[in-house]
Each structure stands twice: as structure tokens, then as C-alpha cells.
């Protein structure tokens, strides 16, 4: 991949719209993206890695406010307070995800049981149709 790509290419690479990329930059979720002399944004590999991380957080239900806080802390760099708070944010999110996964697994098992019940009932009804 090139060392930097246009906003259109970044949109394609991330699955986000150009509008969303601009919005994320405007609210501070993405750091200001370097620009060419014509003011067109040029996304770097590190920008795309950060966006990929944000997309994973978003996909797992992290709120924009939480992601903004994480981004603010990230900008502070490798200071003890920043690192510790980022760790706590991710630990809390991980625990919430774990609870959600357990709930989803329970629901999945219940649904599998229902499918098995209906498959059995369906089989019995087919047999009774022939007798």
C-alpha cells in the first residue's frame, strides 16, 4: 500500500463514508489528518490502524463518548495516568463484552433447543400423516 492515501481510498479501505471520516476528525476521534498543498487529506498507515481499532470498538458496542475519552487519553502519550485509564476503559469494555457473549450463548442454546423441538415435532407429524 502507498505511504498515504486519499480520503476516498481511506473510505473504501475502512468501509466508512467520506462524511463519517470527516466527522470523526471534526469531533476529535481521529487526529487531524495531514493534508496536501491543495488541502486534500492524506491518510497514513497509522491513521488506518487507528480507524480499524475504532471500528472494532464500535462493532462491540463502545459508545462514541467512550471512544472519544480513549482518543483523548491516547493523545497524552505513554504517561502512567493515561496508560492506566486506557487499560481500565478496555478492561471494563472487555467485561461488558464477556457478559454479553455469555447472554448470547445462553440465547443461542435456547434457540437450538427450540429448533430441535420443532424438528422432532415435525418428524412426528410426518410419521402420523402416513399412519
N, C-alpha and C. Protein backbone atom coordinates (compact mmCIF):
# COMPACT_ATOMS: atom_id res chain seq x y z
N UNK A 1 0.84 -1.19 0.00
CA UNK A 1 0.00 0.00 0.00
C UNK A 1 0.88 1.24 0.00
N UNK A 2 0.40 2.29 -0.60
CA UNK A 2 1.15 3.55 -0.63
C UNK A 2 1.34 4.06 0.79
N UNK A 3 2.30 4.96 0.97
CA UNK A 3 2.54 5.50 2.30
C UNK A 3 1.39 6.39 2.76
N UNK A 4 0.64 6.97 1.84
CA UNK A 4 -0.54 7.74 2.21
C UNK A 4 -1.57 7.60 1.10
N UNK A 5 -2.84 7.70 1.53
CA UNK A 5 -3.93 7.52 0.57
C UNK A 5 -4.96 8.64 0.74
N UNK A 6 -5.75 8.82 -0.27
CA UNK A 6 -6.77 9.88 -0.27
C UNK A 6 -7.93 9.48 0.65
N UNK A 7 -8.79 10.43 0.91
CA UNK A 7 -9.96 10.16 1.75
C UNK A 7 -10.88 9.14 1.07
N UNK A 8 -10.99 9.21 -0.25
CA UNK A 8 -11.81 8.22 -0.97
C UNK A 8 -11.24 6.82 -0.79
N UNK A 9 -9.92 6.69 -0.91
CA UNK A 9 -9.29 5.39 -0.71
C UNK A 9 -9.41 4.93 0.74
N UNK A 10 -9.32 5.87 1.68
CA UNK A 10 -9.48 5.54 3.09
C UNK A 10 -10.91 5.07 3.37
N UNK A 11 -11.86 5.72 2.74
CA UNK A 11 -13.26 5.31 2.90
C UNK A 11 -13.46 3.89 2.39
N UNK A 12 -12.90 3.60 1.24
CA UNK A 12 -13.00 2.26 0.68
C UNK A 12 -12.30 1.24 1.57
N UNK A 13 -11.12 1.59 2.06
CA UNK A 13 -10.34 0.67 2.89
C UNK A 13 -10.99 0.38 4.24
N UNK A 14 -11.69 1.37 4.79
CA UNK A 14 -12.26 1.21 6.13
C UNK A 14 -13.74 0.84 6.12
N UNK A 15 -14.41 1.08 5.00
CA UNK A 15 -15.85 0.85 4.94
C UNK A 15 -16.65 2.01 5.51
N UNK A 16 -15.98 3.08 5.89
CA UNK A 16 -16.67 4.27 6.37
C UNK A 16 -16.92 5.22 5.21
N UNK A 17 -17.90 6.05 5.35
CA UNK A 17 -18.14 7.05 4.31
C UNK A 17 -17.14 8.20 4.47
N UNK A 18 -16.98 8.96 3.43
CA UNK A 18 -16.14 10.15 3.49
C UNK A 18 -16.68 11.10 4.56
N UNK A 19 -17.99 11.23 4.60
CA UNK A 19 -18.63 12.09 5.60
C UNK A 19 -18.27 11.64 7.02
N UNK A 20 -18.32 10.34 7.27
CA UNK A 20 -18.01 9.81 8.61
C UNK A 20 -16.54 10.06 8.96
N UNK A 21 -15.65 9.86 8.00
CA UNK A 21 -14.24 10.13 8.25
C UNK A 21 -14.03 11.59 8.64
N UNK A 22 -14.67 12.49 7.91
CA UNK A 22 -14.56 13.92 8.23
C UNK A 22 -15.17 14.22 9.60
N UNK A 23 -16.30 13.61 9.88
CA UNK A 23 -16.96 13.81 11.18
C UNK A 23 -16.08 13.31 12.33
N UNK A 24 -15.51 12.13 12.18
CA UNK A 24 -14.63 11.59 13.22
C UNK A 24 -13.44 12.51 13.47
N UNK A 25 -12.92 13.10 12.40
CA UNK A 25 -11.81 14.04 12.57
C UNK A 25 -12.31 15.32 13.26
N UNK A 26 -13.48 15.79 12.85
CA UNK A 26 -14.03 17.04 13.41
C UNK A 26 -14.27 16.93 14.92
N UNK A 27 -14.78 15.78 15.38
CA UNK A 27 -15.09 15.63 16.81
C UNK A 27 -13.88 15.19 17.63
N UNK A 28 -12.78 14.88 16.95
CA UNK A 28 -11.56 14.51 17.67
C UNK A 28 -11.36 13.03 17.89
N UNK A 29 -12.17 12.23 17.23
CA UNK A 29 -11.98 10.78 17.34
C UNK A 29 -10.76 10.34 16.54
N UNK A 30 -10.54 11.02 15.44
CA UNK A 30 -9.35 10.82 14.61
C UNK A 30 -8.52 12.09 14.72
N UNK A 31 -7.22 11.93 14.89
CA UNK A 31 -6.34 13.10 14.91
C UNK A 31 -6.42 13.82 13.57
N UNK A 32 -6.10 15.12 13.55
CA UNK A 32 -6.09 15.83 12.26
C UNK A 32 -5.21 15.09 11.25
N UNK A 33 -5.78 14.89 10.08
CA UNK A 33 -5.09 14.14 9.03
C UNK A 33 -4.23 15.10 8.23
N UNK A 34 -2.97 14.74 7.98
CA UNK A 34 -2.11 15.61 7.16
C UNK A 34 -2.76 15.90 5.80
N UNK A 35 -2.45 17.04 5.27
CA UNK A 35 -3.06 17.45 4.00
C UNK A 35 -1.99 17.81 2.98
N UNK A 36 -2.37 17.63 1.73
CA UNK A 36 -1.52 18.05 0.61
C UNK A 36 -1.61 19.57 0.49
N UNK A 37 -0.82 20.12 -0.39
CA UNK A 37 -0.85 21.58 -0.60
C UNK A 37 -2.22 22.04 -1.09
N UNK A 38 -2.97 21.17 -1.74
CA UNK A 38 -4.32 21.51 -2.20
C UNK A 38 -5.38 21.25 -1.11
N UNK A 39 -4.93 20.96 0.10
CA UNK A 39 -5.77 20.72 1.28
C UNK A 39 -6.51 19.38 1.28
N UNK A 40 -6.20 18.51 0.33
CA UNK A 40 -6.78 17.17 0.34
C UNK A 40 -6.10 16.33 1.42
N UNK A 41 -6.91 15.61 2.18
CA UNK A 41 -6.39 14.77 3.25
C UNK A 41 -5.58 13.61 2.68
N UNK A 42 -4.52 13.25 3.41
CA UNK A 42 -3.72 12.08 3.07
C UNK A 42 -3.61 11.19 4.31
N UNK A 43 -4.32 10.08 4.28
CA UNK A 43 -4.33 9.15 5.40
C UNK A 43 -3.09 8.26 5.35
N UNK A 44 -2.45 8.16 6.50
CA UNK A 44 -1.26 7.33 6.62
C UNK A 44 -1.65 5.96 7.17
N UNK A 45 -0.70 5.06 7.12
CA UNK A 45 -0.93 3.71 7.62
C UNK A 45 -1.35 3.74 9.09
N UNK A 46 -0.71 4.60 9.89
CA UNK A 46 -1.07 4.67 11.31
C UNK A 46 -2.49 5.21 11.51
N UNK A 47 -2.94 6.09 10.61
CA UNK A 47 -4.33 6.57 10.68
C UNK A 47 -5.30 5.42 10.44
N UNK A 48 -4.98 4.60 9.44
CA UNK A 48 -5.85 3.47 9.11
C UNK A 48 -5.86 2.43 10.22
N UNK A 49 -4.73 2.20 10.87
CA UNK A 49 -4.69 1.26 12.01
C UNK A 49 -5.56 1.78 13.15
N UNK A 50 -5.48 3.06 13.43
CA UNK A 50 -6.30 3.66 14.48
C UNK A 50 -7.78 3.55 14.13
N UNK A 51 -8.14 3.83 12.89
CA UNK A 51 -9.54 3.71 12.46
C UNK A 51 -10.01 2.26 12.59
N UNK A 52 -9.16 1.33 12.22
CA UNK A 52 -9.51 -0.09 12.35
C UNK A 52 -9.81 -0.43 13.82
N UNK A 53 -8.99 0.08 14.73
CA UNK A 53 -9.22 -0.14 16.16
C UNK A 53 -10.55 0.47 16.58
N UNK A 54 -10.82 1.70 16.15
CA UNK A 54 -12.09 2.35 16.48
C UNK A 54 -13.28 1.55 15.95
N UNK A 55 -13.15 1.02 14.75
CA UNK A 55 -14.23 0.23 14.17
C UNK A 55 -14.50 -1.03 14.98
N UNK A 56 -13.45 -1.62 15.50
CA UNK A 56 -13.63 -2.80 16.35
C UNK A 56 -14.33 -2.42 17.65
N UNK A 57 -13.95 -1.30 18.23
CA UNK A 57 -14.62 -0.84 19.44
C UNK A 57 -16.09 -0.54 19.16
N UNK A 58 -16.34 0.13 18.05
CA UNK A 58 -17.72 0.47 17.68
C UNK A 58 -18.55 -0.80 17.44
N UNK A 59 -17.94 -1.78 16.77
CA UNK A 59 -18.64 -3.03 16.46
C UNK A 59 -19.00 -3.80 17.73
N UNK A 60 -18.27 -3.56 18.79
CA UNK A 60 -18.54 -4.26 20.05
C UNK A 60 -19.38 -3.41 21.00
N UNK A 61 -19.92 -2.31 20.49
CA UNK A 61 -20.87 -1.54 21.26
C UNK A 61 -20.30 -0.42 22.11
N UNK A 62 -19.03 -0.09 21.94
CA UNK A 62 -18.49 1.03 22.72
C UNK A 62 -19.09 2.32 22.19
N UNK A 63 -19.48 3.18 23.10
CA UNK A 63 -20.10 4.45 22.71
C UNK A 63 -19.06 5.42 22.14
N UNK A 64 -19.54 6.37 21.38
CA UNK A 64 -18.67 7.42 20.83
C UNK A 64 -18.00 8.16 21.98
N UNK A 65 -18.75 8.43 23.06
CA UNK A 65 -18.18 9.15 24.21
C UNK A 65 -17.00 8.38 24.82
N UNK A 66 -17.15 7.07 24.95
CA UNK A 66 -16.06 6.26 25.49
C UNK A 66 -14.87 6.26 24.53
N UNK A 67 -15.15 6.14 23.24
CA UNK A 67 -14.06 6.15 22.27
C UNK A 67 -13.37 7.51 22.26
N UNK A 68 -14.14 8.58 22.41
CA UNK A 68 -13.54 9.92 22.48
C UNK A 68 -12.62 10.04 23.70
N UNK A 69 -13.06 9.51 24.83
CA UNK A 69 -12.22 9.55 26.03
C UNK A 69 -10.94 8.77 25.79
N UNK A 70 -11.06 7.60 25.19
CA UNK A 70 -9.89 6.79 24.89
C UNK A 70 -8.94 7.57 23.96
N UNK A 71 -9.50 8.22 22.94
CA UNK A 71 -8.68 9.00 22.00
C UNK A 71 -7.97 10.15 22.71
N UNK A 72 -8.68 10.82 23.63
CA UNK A 72 -8.06 11.90 24.41
C UNK A 72 -6.88 11.37 25.22
N UNK A 73 -7.09 10.25 25.87
CA UNK A 73 -6.03 9.65 26.69
C UNK A 73 -4.86 9.21 25.82
N UNK A 74 -5.16 8.69 24.63
CA UNK A 74 -4.12 8.25 23.71
C UNK A 74 -3.22 9.42 23.31
N UNK A 75 -3.83 10.58 23.11
CA UNK A 75 -3.06 11.76 22.72
C UNK A 75 -2.09 12.20 23.82
N UNK A 76 -2.38 11.84 25.05
CA UNK A 76 -1.48 12.19 26.16
C UNK A 76 -0.19 11.38 26.14
N UNK A 77 -0.19 10.32 25.37
CA UNK A 77 1.02 9.52 25.23
C UNK A 77 1.20 8.52 26.35
N UNK A 78 2.39 8.04 26.46
CA UNK A 78 2.70 6.97 27.41
C UNK A 78 3.04 7.54 28.78
N UNK A 79 2.03 8.15 29.39
CA UNK A 79 2.14 8.62 30.76
C UNK A 79 1.35 7.65 31.63
N UNK A 80 1.79 7.46 32.85
CA UNK A 80 1.17 6.47 33.72
C UNK A 80 -0.34 6.66 33.83
N UNK A 81 -0.80 7.87 34.09
CA UNK A 81 -2.23 8.11 34.24
C UNK A 81 -3.01 7.76 32.99
N UNK A 82 -2.48 8.15 31.84
CA UNK A 82 -3.14 7.89 30.57
C UNK A 82 -3.19 6.39 30.27
N UNK A 83 -2.07 5.74 30.45
CA UNK A 83 -1.99 4.30 30.18
C UNK A 83 -2.92 3.54 31.12
N UNK A 84 -2.90 3.90 32.40
CA UNK A 84 -3.75 3.21 33.38
C UNK A 84 -5.23 3.39 33.07
N UNK A 85 -5.62 4.61 32.71
CA UNK A 85 -7.04 4.85 32.42
C UNK A 85 -7.47 4.15 31.15
N UNK A 86 -6.60 4.11 30.14
CA UNK A 86 -6.93 3.38 28.91
C UNK A 86 -7.11 1.90 29.22
N UNK A 87 -6.23 1.38 30.05
CA UNK A 87 -6.33 -0.03 30.43
C UNK A 87 -7.65 -0.30 31.13
N UNK A 88 -8.02 0.57 32.06
CA UNK A 88 -9.28 0.40 32.79
C UNK A 88 -10.47 0.47 31.83
N UNK A 89 -10.46 1.43 30.91
CA UNK A 89 -11.54 1.53 29.93
C UNK A 89 -11.69 0.24 29.13
N UNK A 90 -10.57 -0.31 28.69
CA UNK A 90 -10.62 -1.54 27.90
C UNK A 90 -10.99 -2.74 28.76
N UNK A 91 -10.56 -2.77 30.01
CA UNK A 91 -10.95 -3.85 30.91
C UNK A 91 -12.46 -3.83 31.13
N UNK A 92 -13.02 -2.65 31.39
CA UNK A 92 -14.46 -2.53 31.60
C UNK A 92 -15.23 -2.95 30.35
N UNK A 93 -14.74 -2.53 29.21
CA UNK A 93 -15.41 -2.89 27.96
C UNK A 93 -15.31 -4.40 27.73
N UNK A 94 -14.17 -4.97 28.03
CA UNK A 94 -13.98 -6.41 27.88
C UNK A 94 -14.94 -7.18 28.78
N UNK A 95 -15.10 -6.74 30.02
CA UNK A 95 -16.03 -7.39 30.94
C UNK A 95 -17.47 -7.29 30.44
N UNK A 96 -17.85 -6.13 29.93
CA UNK A 96 -19.20 -5.96 29.39
C UNK A 96 -19.41 -6.87 28.19
N UNK A 97 -18.41 -6.98 27.34
CA UNK A 97 -18.49 -7.86 26.17
C UNK A 97 -18.62 -9.31 26.59
N UNK A 98 -17.84 -9.69 27.60
CA UNK A 98 -17.88 -11.07 28.09
C UNK A 98 -19.28 -11.41 28.60
N UNK A 99 -19.88 -10.50 29.35
CA UNK A 99 -21.24 -10.71 29.85
C UNK A 99 -22.23 -10.83 28.70
N UNK A 100 -22.07 -9.98 27.70
CA UNK A 100 -22.95 -10.01 26.53
C UNK A 100 -22.79 -11.32 25.77
N UNK A 101 -21.55 -11.78 25.63
CA UNK A 101 -21.31 -13.05 24.95
C UNK A 101 -21.97 -14.22 25.68
N UNK A 102 -21.86 -14.23 27.00
CA UNK A 102 -22.50 -15.29 27.78
C UNK A 102 -24.01 -15.28 27.60
N UNK A 103 -24.58 -14.09 27.60
CA UNK A 103 -26.02 -13.97 27.37
C UNK A 103 -26.40 -14.45 25.98
N UNK A 104 -25.61 -14.09 24.99
CA UNK A 104 -25.87 -14.54 23.62
C UNK A 104 -25.72 -16.06 23.50
N UNK A 105 -24.73 -16.63 24.18
CA UNK A 105 -24.55 -18.08 24.15
C UNK A 105 -25.76 -18.79 24.78
N UNK A 106 -26.27 -18.24 25.89
CA UNK A 106 -27.47 -18.81 26.52
C UNK A 106 -28.66 -18.75 25.57
N UNK A 107 -28.82 -17.61 24.91
CA UNK A 107 -29.92 -17.45 23.96
C UNK A 107 -29.76 -18.41 22.78
N UNK A 108 -28.54 -18.57 22.31
CA UNK A 108 -28.28 -19.49 21.21
C UNK A 108 -28.64 -20.93 21.59
N UNK A 109 -28.28 -21.32 22.79
CA UNK A 109 -28.62 -22.67 23.26
C UNK A 109 -30.14 -22.85 23.34
N UNK A 110 -30.84 -21.83 23.83
CA UNK A 110 -32.29 -21.90 23.90
C UNK A 110 -32.89 -22.04 22.50
N UNK A 111 -32.37 -21.26 21.56
CA UNK A 111 -32.87 -21.34 20.18
C UNK A 111 -32.58 -22.70 19.55
N UNK A 112 -31.41 -23.23 19.80
CA UNK A 112 -31.08 -24.57 19.29
C UNK A 112 -32.04 -25.61 19.87
N UNK A 113 -32.39 -25.46 21.13
CA UNK A 113 -33.34 -26.37 21.76
C UNK A 113 -34.70 -26.27 21.09
N UNK A 114 -35.13 -25.05 20.80
CA UNK A 114 -36.42 -24.85 20.12
C UNK A 114 -36.40 -25.47 18.72
N UNK A 115 -35.31 -25.27 17.99
CA UNK A 115 -35.19 -25.84 16.65
C UNK A 115 -35.25 -27.36 16.74
N UNK A 116 -34.55 -27.94 17.70
CA UNK A 116 -34.57 -29.40 17.87
C UNK A 116 -35.98 -29.88 18.23
N UNK A 117 -36.67 -29.13 19.10
CA UNK A 117 -38.04 -29.48 19.47
C UNK A 117 -38.94 -29.49 18.23
N UNK A 118 -38.85 -28.43 17.42
CA UNK A 118 -39.69 -28.35 16.23
C UNK A 118 -39.31 -29.40 15.19
N UNK A 119 -38.04 -29.72 15.09
CA UNK A 119 -37.61 -30.77 14.17
C UNK A 119 -38.21 -32.11 14.60
N UNK A 120 -38.18 -32.38 15.89
CA UNK A 120 -38.75 -33.61 16.43
C UNK A 120 -40.26 -33.65 16.21
N UNK A 121 -40.92 -32.55 16.53
CA UNK A 121 -42.38 -32.46 16.35
C UNK A 121 -42.75 -32.62 14.88
N UNK A 122 -41.98 -31.99 14.02
CA UNK A 122 -42.20 -32.08 12.59
C UNK A 122 -42.09 -33.53 12.13
N UNK A 123 -41.08 -34.23 12.63
CA UNK A 123 -40.86 -35.63 12.27
C UNK A 123 -42.04 -36.49 12.73
N UNK A 124 -42.52 -36.24 13.96
CA UNK A 124 -43.66 -36.99 14.48
C UNK A 124 -44.91 -36.74 13.65
N UNK A 125 -45.12 -35.50 13.24
CA UNK A 125 -46.28 -35.16 12.43
C UNK A 125 -46.21 -35.79 11.06
N UNK A 126 -45.03 -35.90 10.49
CA UNK A 126 -44.86 -36.55 9.18
C UNK A 126 -45.20 -38.03 9.30
N UNK A 127 -44.74 -38.66 10.38
CA UNK A 127 -44.99 -40.08 10.60
C UNK A 127 -46.49 -40.31 10.79
N UNK A 128 -47.15 -39.43 11.57
CA UNK A 128 -48.59 -39.62 11.82
C UNK A 128 -49.41 -39.38 10.57
N UNK A 129 -48.90 -38.62 9.62
CA UNK A 129 -49.61 -38.40 8.36
C UNK A 129 -49.66 -39.69 7.52
N UNK A 130 -48.67 -40.57 7.73
CA UNK A 130 -48.59 -41.81 6.95
C UNK A 130 -49.35 -42.95 7.61
N UNK A 131 -49.77 -42.77 8.84
CA UNK A 131 -50.47 -43.88 9.51
C UNK A 131 -51.95 -43.69 9.50
